[in-house]
Amino acid sequence: ELLCAVEVARRPAGERWGRCKIVRKAGEYADSLCVVLLEPATRRARVALGALDGEPRALARCAAALADGMPPGDLSPAIEEDLREAGVLEAVARRRHATCVQRAVAAALERQTP
């Protein structure tokens, strides 16, 4: 089999996205990785967190809070609940992942797709 083409749908104007990757040294696997997609026109948000013990997880409470227009500074309780549900119990890991989510949200709010 030979891959001849890849079609990617055009994303809506005004869509915002951000990501954050936390690593100890350049080139290493991520200690935390978060991607945020905001669609202001439809009031939708998606937040995914990787570099967990298992597979990447959607952070539903955090996404719902963002979609409802919650300011980024007030997201901590939603992030903490999502992390607890994902099984992140160690304080250092929880802090690292929460920081990664906050940075990805900030990056999404700064950037806009043309």
Protein backbone atom coordinates (compact mmCIF):
# COMPACT_ATOMS: atom_id res chain seq x y z
CA GLU A 1 0.00 0.00 0.00
CA LEU A 2 1.10 3.51 -0.75
CA LEU A 3 -0.21 6.68 0.86
CA CYS A 4 -0.90 9.16 -1.95
CA ALA A 5 -2.68 12.02 -0.19
CA VAL A 6 -4.00 13.26 3.11
CA GLU A 7 -7.05 15.51 3.28
CA VAL A 8 -7.39 17.78 6.28
CA ALA A 9 -10.58 19.74 6.82
CA ARG A 10 -10.19 23.51 7.12
CA ARG A 11 -10.75 24.61 10.68
CA PRO A 12 -13.28 27.37 11.42
CA ALA A 13 -12.09 30.98 11.48
CA GLY A 14 -11.65 32.24 15.01
CA GLU A 15 -10.74 28.83 16.39
CA ARG A 16 -7.98 28.92 18.99
CA TRP A 17 -5.55 26.23 20.04
CA GLY A 18 -2.65 25.89 22.40
CA ARG A 19 -0.28 23.25 23.64
CA CYS A 20 2.26 22.78 26.37
CA LYS A 21 4.92 20.10 26.74
CA ILE A 22 6.94 19.78 29.91
CA VAL A 23 10.22 17.84 29.66
CA ARG A 24 13.33 17.65 31.84
CA LYS A 25 15.75 17.76 28.89
CA ALA A 26 15.21 18.62 25.23
CA GLY A 27 14.51 15.54 23.15
CA GLU A 28 13.11 13.44 25.98
CA TYR A 29 9.59 12.11 26.24
CA ALA A 30 7.12 14.49 27.86
CA ASP A 31 6.57 14.51 31.60
CA SER A 32 3.30 16.29 30.84
CA LEU A 33 1.62 17.23 27.56
CA CYS A 34 -1.61 19.16 27.08
CA VAL A 35 -3.49 20.32 23.99
CA VAL A 36 -6.42 22.77 24.11
CA LEU A 37 -8.85 23.59 21.28
CA LEU A 38 -11.33 26.47 21.72
CA GLU A 39 -14.20 27.15 19.32
CA PRO A 40 -15.74 30.45 20.50
CA ALA A 41 -18.39 30.56 17.74
CA THR A 42 -19.93 27.27 18.91
CA ARG A 43 -18.94 27.68 22.59
CA ARG A 44 -17.06 24.37 22.52
CA ALA A 45 -13.74 23.47 24.07
CA ARG A 46 -11.62 20.35 24.15
CA VAL A 47 -8.74 19.67 26.52
CA ALA A 48 -6.56 16.56 26.30
CA LEU A 49 -3.76 15.59 28.68
CA GLY A 50 -1.04 13.09 27.83
CA ALA A 51 2.07 11.66 29.47
CA LEU A 52 -0.06 9.97 32.12
CA ASP A 53 0.51 6.42 33.35
CA GLY A 54 -1.94 5.19 30.73
CA GLU A 55 -3.49 6.64 27.61
CA PRO A 56 -4.16 10.37 27.07
CA ARG A 57 -7.34 11.63 28.76
CA ALA A 58 -9.93 14.22 27.84
CA LEU A 59 -10.40 16.68 30.70
CA ALA A 60 -14.18 17.09 30.50
CA ARG A 61 -14.71 19.41 33.49
CA CYS A 62 -11.96 21.75 32.39
CA ALA A 63 -13.32 21.81 28.82
CA ALA A 64 -16.86 22.50 30.04
CA ALA A 65 -15.65 25.35 32.25
CA LEU A 66 -13.74 26.90 29.34
CA ALA A 67 -16.76 26.53 27.03
CA ASP A 68 -18.89 28.30 29.65
CA GLY A 69 -16.48 31.24 29.61
CA MET A 70 -14.78 30.65 32.94
CA PRO A 71 -11.64 32.80 33.28
CA PRO A 72 -8.40 30.78 33.08
CA GLY A 73 -7.44 31.79 36.61
CA ASP A 74 -10.55 30.06 37.98
CA LEU A 75 -9.96 26.69 36.30
CA SER A 76 -7.97 25.10 39.14
CA PRO A 77 -10.89 23.26 40.82
CA ALA A 78 -12.03 21.77 37.48
CA ILE A 79 -8.47 20.74 36.61
CA GLU A 80 -7.97 19.16 40.04
CA GLU A 81 -11.18 17.14 39.71
CA ASP A 82 -10.19 15.93 36.23
CA LEU A 83 -6.72 14.94 37.47
CA ARG A 84 -8.16 13.08 40.45
CA GLU A 85 -10.52 11.21 38.10
CA ALA A 86 -7.55 10.38 35.82
CA GLY A 87 -5.80 8.79 38.78
CA VAL A 88 -3.10 11.44 39.26
CA LEU A 89 -2.75 11.28 43.04
CA GLU A 90 0.87 12.24 43.68
CA ALA A 91 1.14 15.94 44.60
CA VAL A 92 4.18 16.67 42.41
CA ALA A 93 2.61 15.02 39.35
CA ARG A 94 -0.70 16.81 39.99
CA ARG A 95 1.08 20.16 40.16
CA ARG A 96 3.08 19.44 36.99
CA HIS A 97 -0.01 18.41 35.00
CA ALA A 98 -2.10 21.32 36.32
CA THR A 99 0.64 23.77 35.32
CA CYS A 100 0.80 22.20 31.86
CA VAL A 101 -2.97 22.59 31.40
CA GLN A 102 -2.87 26.23 32.55
CA ARG A 103 -0.05 27.01 30.10
CA ALA A 104 -1.85 25.32 27.20
CA VAL A 105 -5.03 27.30 27.97
CA ALA A 106 -3.02 30.54 28.08
CA ALA A 107 -1.40 29.68 24.73
CA ALA A 108 -4.83 28.99 23.20
CA LEU A 109 -6.18 32.33 24.37
CA GLU A 110 -3.19 34.16 22.86
CA ARG A 111 -3.38 32.47 19.44
CA GLN A 112 -6.08 32.65 16.80
CA THR A 113 -6.33 30.61 13.59
CA PRO A 114 -6.53 32.93 10.57
